[in-house]
């Protein structure tokens, strides 16, 4: 599956046309993580951007406790795109995991080009806040 097709199934990019999906995909880097690799560390700087799990799975941990599991089509690191604050959780690969990552500056450039992405990001964050235990 091409990256553009995978992004079309991610809630953060829902409803975007192929042109915008292509622009985002071109700015993303596909990365492979081995099990137990720390993708994001709680408390670290928030300038690293965000990622979308393409295959595999990761656990999300806060204060050393697992609080969620994320898999294909789910995003991580999106909160720091807004406030540049330290990471609120640690994300660790559970299985061999492939993710597409984008830097904060590239993502913000995409938001300026297509404000619908910002609305989807707000929806994603709102959903996260409503989930119990998050």
C-alpha atoms as a PDB file:
ATOM      1  CA  UNK A   1       0.000   0.000   0.000  1.00  0.00           C
ATOM      2  CA  UNK A   2       1.312   3.417  -0.898  1.00  0.00           C
ATOM      3  CA  UNK A   3       1.799   5.992   1.830  1.00  0.00           C
ATOM      4  CA  UNK A   4      -0.889   8.264   0.365  1.00  0.00           C
ATOM      5  CA  UNK A   5      -3.425   5.430   0.567  1.00  0.00           C
ATOM      6  CA  UNK A   6      -2.447   4.678   4.154  1.00  0.00           C
ATOM      7  CA  UNK A   7      -2.813   8.350   5.121  1.00  0.00           C
ATOM      8  CA  UNK A   8      -6.283   8.481   3.562  1.00  0.00           C
ATOM      9  CA  UNK A   9      -7.387   6.011   6.261  1.00  0.00           C
ATOM     10  CA  UNK A  10      -6.036   8.105   9.148  1.00  0.00           C
ATOM     11  CA  UNK A  11      -8.629  10.234  10.950  1.00  0.00           C
ATOM     12  CA  UNK A  12      -6.207  13.143  11.115  1.00  0.00           C
ATOM     13  CA  UNK A  13      -6.213  13.344   7.316  1.00  0.00           C
ATOM     14  CA  UNK A  14      -9.854  12.358   6.711  1.00  0.00           C
ATOM     15  CA  UNK A  15     -11.495  14.158   3.850  1.00  0.00           C
ATOM     16  CA  UNK A  16      -8.315  15.551   2.317  1.00  0.00           C
ATOM     17  CA  UNK A  17      -8.043  15.344  -1.437  1.00  0.00           C
ATOM     18  CA  UNK A  18      -5.314  13.359  -3.173  1.00  0.00           C
ATOM     19  CA  UNK A  19      -3.227  16.471  -3.838  1.00  0.00           C
ATOM     20  CA  UNK A  20      -2.973  17.311  -0.142  1.00  0.00           C
ATOM     21  CA  UNK A  21      -2.359  13.691   0.831  1.00  0.00           C
ATOM     22  CA  UNK A  22       0.443  13.540  -1.736  1.00  0.00           C
ATOM     23  CA  UNK A  23       1.988  16.738  -0.342  1.00  0.00           C
ATOM     24  CA  UNK A  24       1.939  15.354   3.192  1.00  0.00           C
ATOM     25  CA  UNK A  25       3.276  11.958   2.117  1.00  0.00           C
ATOM     26  CA  UNK A  26       6.210  13.616   0.314  1.00  0.00           C
ATOM     27  CA  UNK A  27       7.202  15.353   3.524  1.00  0.00           C
ATOM     28  CA  UNK A  28       7.056  12.217   5.671  1.00  0.00           C
ATOM     29  CA  UNK A  29       9.858   9.771   6.305  1.00  0.00           C
ATOM     30  CA  UNK A  30       9.074   6.066   6.711  1.00  0.00           C
ATOM     31  CA  UNK A  31      10.927   4.594   9.703  1.00  0.00           C
ATOM     32  CA  UNK A  32      11.181   1.011  10.976  1.00  0.00           C
ATOM     33  CA  UNK A  33      11.319   0.308  14.713  1.00  0.00           C
ATOM     34  CA  UNK A  34      12.313  -2.955  16.365  1.00  0.00           C
ATOM     35  CA  UNK A  35      10.412  -4.257  19.424  1.00  0.00           C
ATOM     36  CA  UNK A  36      11.230  -2.330  22.617  1.00  0.00           C
ATOM     37  CA  UNK A  37      12.524   0.685  20.673  1.00  0.00           C
ATOM     38  CA  UNK A  38      11.528   3.921  22.429  1.00  0.00           C
ATOM     39  CA  UNK A  39       9.929   6.016  19.707  1.00  0.00           C
ATOM     40  CA  UNK A  40       9.048   8.971  21.947  1.00  0.00           C
ATOM     41  CA  UNK A  41      10.105   9.476  25.536  1.00  0.00           C
ATOM     42  CA  UNK A  42       7.865  11.110  28.130  1.00  0.00           C
ATOM     43  CA  UNK A  43       9.268  14.480  29.207  1.00  0.00           C
ATOM     44  CA  UNK A  44      11.527  14.902  26.174  1.00  0.00           C
ATOM     45  CA  UNK A  45      11.354  18.013  24.017  1.00  0.00           C
ATOM     46  CA  UNK A  46       8.286  18.434  21.869  1.00  0.00           C
ATOM     47  CA  UNK A  47       9.957  19.490  18.641  1.00  0.00           C
ATOM     48  CA  UNK A  48      10.283  16.025  17.087  1.00  0.00           C
ATOM     49  CA  UNK A  49       7.038  16.037  15.155  1.00  0.00           C
ATOM     50  CA  UNK A  50       4.507  13.236  14.961  1.00  0.00           C
ATOM     51  CA  UNK A  51       4.046   9.866  13.369  1.00  0.00           C
ATOM     52  CA  UNK A  52       1.451   7.521  11.931  1.00  0.00           C
ATOM     53  CA  UNK A  53       1.730   3.796  12.575  1.00  0.00           C
ATOM     54  CA  UNK A  54       1.673   1.996   9.222  1.00  0.00           C
ATOM     55  CA  UNK A  55       2.191  -1.543  10.509  1.00  0.00           C
ATOM     56  CA  UNK A  56       2.894  -3.177  13.843  1.00  0.00           C
ATOM     57  CA  UNK A  57       1.919  -1.787  17.216  1.00  0.00           C
ATOM     58  CA  UNK A  58       3.200   0.405  20.012  1.00  0.00           C
ATOM     59  CA  UNK A  59       2.296   0.811  23.643  1.00  0.00           C
ATOM     60  CA  UNK A  60       1.730   4.234  25.121  1.00  0.00           C
ATOM     61  CA  UNK A  61       2.992   4.647  28.666  1.00  0.00           C
ATOM     62  CA  UNK A  62       2.642   7.373  31.282  1.00  0.00           C
ATOM     63  CA  UNK A  63       4.728   7.331  34.424  1.00  0.00           C
ATOM     64  CA  UNK A  64       5.818   3.781  33.567  1.00  0.00           C
ATOM     65  CA  UNK A  65       2.257   2.417  33.220  1.00  0.00           C
ATOM     66  CA  UNK A  66       0.742   1.278  29.925  1.00  0.00           C
ATOM     67  CA  UNK A  67      -2.291   3.436  29.127  1.00  0.00           C
ATOM     68  CA  UNK A  68      -2.993   2.558  25.500  1.00  0.00           C
ATOM     69  CA  UNK A  69      -2.046   0.491  22.495  1.00  0.00           C
ATOM     70  CA  UNK A  70      -1.772   2.048  19.045  1.00  0.00           C
ATOM     71  CA  UNK A  71      -1.702   0.304  15.707  1.00  0.00           C
ATOM     72  CA  UNK A  72      -2.016   0.959  11.992  1.00  0.00           C
ATOM     73  CA  UNK A  73      -3.734   4.223  11.161  1.00  0.00           C
ATOM     74  CA  UNK A  74      -3.231   5.734  14.606  1.00  0.00           C
ATOM     75  CA  UNK A  75      -1.044   8.735  15.353  1.00  0.00           C
ATOM     76  CA  UNK A  76       1.487   9.522  18.063  1.00  0.00           C
ATOM     77  CA  UNK A  77       3.238  12.730  19.054  1.00  0.00           C
ATOM     78  CA  UNK A  78       0.466  14.989  17.783  1.00  0.00           C
ATOM     79  CA  UNK A  79      -0.002  16.949  21.016  1.00  0.00           C
ATOM     80  CA  UNK A  80       3.457  18.504  20.764  1.00  0.00           C
ATOM     81  CA  UNK A  81       2.616  19.824  17.307  1.00  0.00           C
ATOM     82  CA  UNK A  82       0.383  22.367  18.977  1.00  0.00           C
ATOM     83  CA  UNK A  83       2.184  23.482  22.106  1.00  0.00           C
ATOM     84  CA  UNK A  84       5.876  22.522  21.712  1.00  0.00           C
ATOM     85  CA  UNK A  85       5.788  21.238  25.292  1.00  0.00           C
ATOM     86  CA  UNK A  86       7.557  18.121  26.526  1.00  0.00           C
ATOM     87  CA  UNK A  87       6.101  14.775  25.510  1.00  0.00           C
ATOM     88  CA  UNK A  88       3.211  13.654  27.702  1.00  0.00           C
ATOM     89  CA  UNK A  89       3.849   9.930  27.216  1.00  0.00           C
ATOM     90  CA  UNK A  90       6.393   7.368  26.123  1.00  0.00           C
ATOM     91  CA  UNK A  91       5.702   5.368  22.971  1.00  0.00           C
ATOM     92  CA  UNK A  92       7.473   2.008  22.665  1.00  0.00           C
ATOM     93  CA  UNK A  93       7.313  -0.402  19.736  1.00  0.00           C
ATOM     94  CA  UNK A  94       5.714  -3.711  20.811  1.00  0.00           C
ATOM     95  CA  UNK A  95       6.334  -5.495  17.541  1.00  0.00           C
ATOM     96  CA  UNK A  96       8.362  -4.669  14.446  1.00  0.00           C
ATOM     97  CA  UNK A  97       6.685  -1.393  13.582  1.00  0.00           C
ATOM     98  CA  UNK A  98       6.749   0.843  10.557  1.00  0.00           C
ATOM     99  CA  UNK A  99       5.699   4.470  10.919  1.00  0.00           C
ATOM    100  CA  UNK A 100       5.617   7.563   8.761  1.00  0.00           C
ATOM    101  CA  UNK A 101       6.933  10.586  10.629  1.00  0.00           C
ATOM    102  CA  UNK A 102       6.766  14.288   9.855  1.00  0.00           C
ATOM    103  CA  UNK A 103       8.576  17.167  11.524  1.00  0.00           C
ATOM    104  CA  UNK A 104       6.696  19.852  13.394  1.00  0.00           C
ATOM    105  CA  UNK A 105       7.728  22.550  10.905  1.00  0.00           C
ATOM    106  CA  UNK A 106       6.625  20.472   7.895  1.00  0.00           C
ATOM    107  CA  UNK A 107       3.324  19.603   9.550  1.00  0.00           C
ATOM    108  CA  UNK A 108       2.625  23.238  10.411  1.00  0.00           C
ATOM    109  CA  UNK A 109       3.345  24.229   6.816  1.00  0.00           C
ATOM    110  CA  UNK A 110       0.727  21.680   5.716  1.00  0.00           C
ATOM    111  CA  UNK A 111      -1.800  23.151   8.174  1.00  0.00           C
ATOM    112  CA  UNK A 112      -1.246  26.615   6.715  1.00  0.00           C
ATOM    113  CA  UNK A 113      -1.883  25.177   3.258  1.00  0.00           C
ATOM    114  CA  UNK A 114      -4.966  23.201   4.328  1.00  0.00           C
ATOM    115  CA  UNK A 115      -6.720  24.346   7.538  1.00  0.00           C
ATOM    116  CA  UNK A 116      -8.945  21.222   7.481  1.00  0.00           C
ATOM    117  CA  UNK A 117      -5.953  19.355   8.900  1.00  0.00           C
ATOM    118  CA  UNK A 118      -6.080  21.595  11.979  1.00  0.00           C
ATOM    119  CA  UNK A 119      -9.768  20.825  12.473  1.00  0.00           C
ATOM    120  CA  UNK A 120      -9.038  17.089  12.235  1.00  0.00           C
ATOM    121  CA  UNK A 121      -6.157  17.488  14.695  1.00  0.00           C
ATOM    122  CA  UNK A 122      -8.496  19.185  17.171  1.00  0.00           C
ATOM    123  CA  UNK A 123     -11.001  16.349  16.758  1.00  0.00           C
ATOM    124  CA  UNK A 124      -8.250  13.791  17.399  1.00  0.00           C
ATOM    125  CA  UNK A 125      -7.124  15.594  20.543  1.00  0.00           C
ATOM    126  CA  UNK A 126     -10.686  15.979  21.787  1.00  0.00           C
ATOM    127  CA  UNK A 127     -11.277  12.248  21.340  1.00  0.00           C
ATOM    128  CA  UNK A 128      -8.107  11.508  23.297  1.00  0.00           C
ATOM    129  CA  UNK A 129      -9.210  13.759  26.142  1.00  0.00           C
ATOM    130  CA  UNK A 130     -12.564  12.015  26.348  1.00  0.00           C
ATOM    131  CA  UNK A 131     -11.027   8.527  26.563  1.00  0.00           C
ATOM    132  CA  UNK A 132     -10.932   7.160  30.090  1.00  0.00           C
ATOM    133  CA  UNK A 133      -7.510   6.900  31.650  1.00  0.00           C
ATOM    134  CA  UNK A 134      -5.809   9.245  29.184  1.00  0.00           C
END
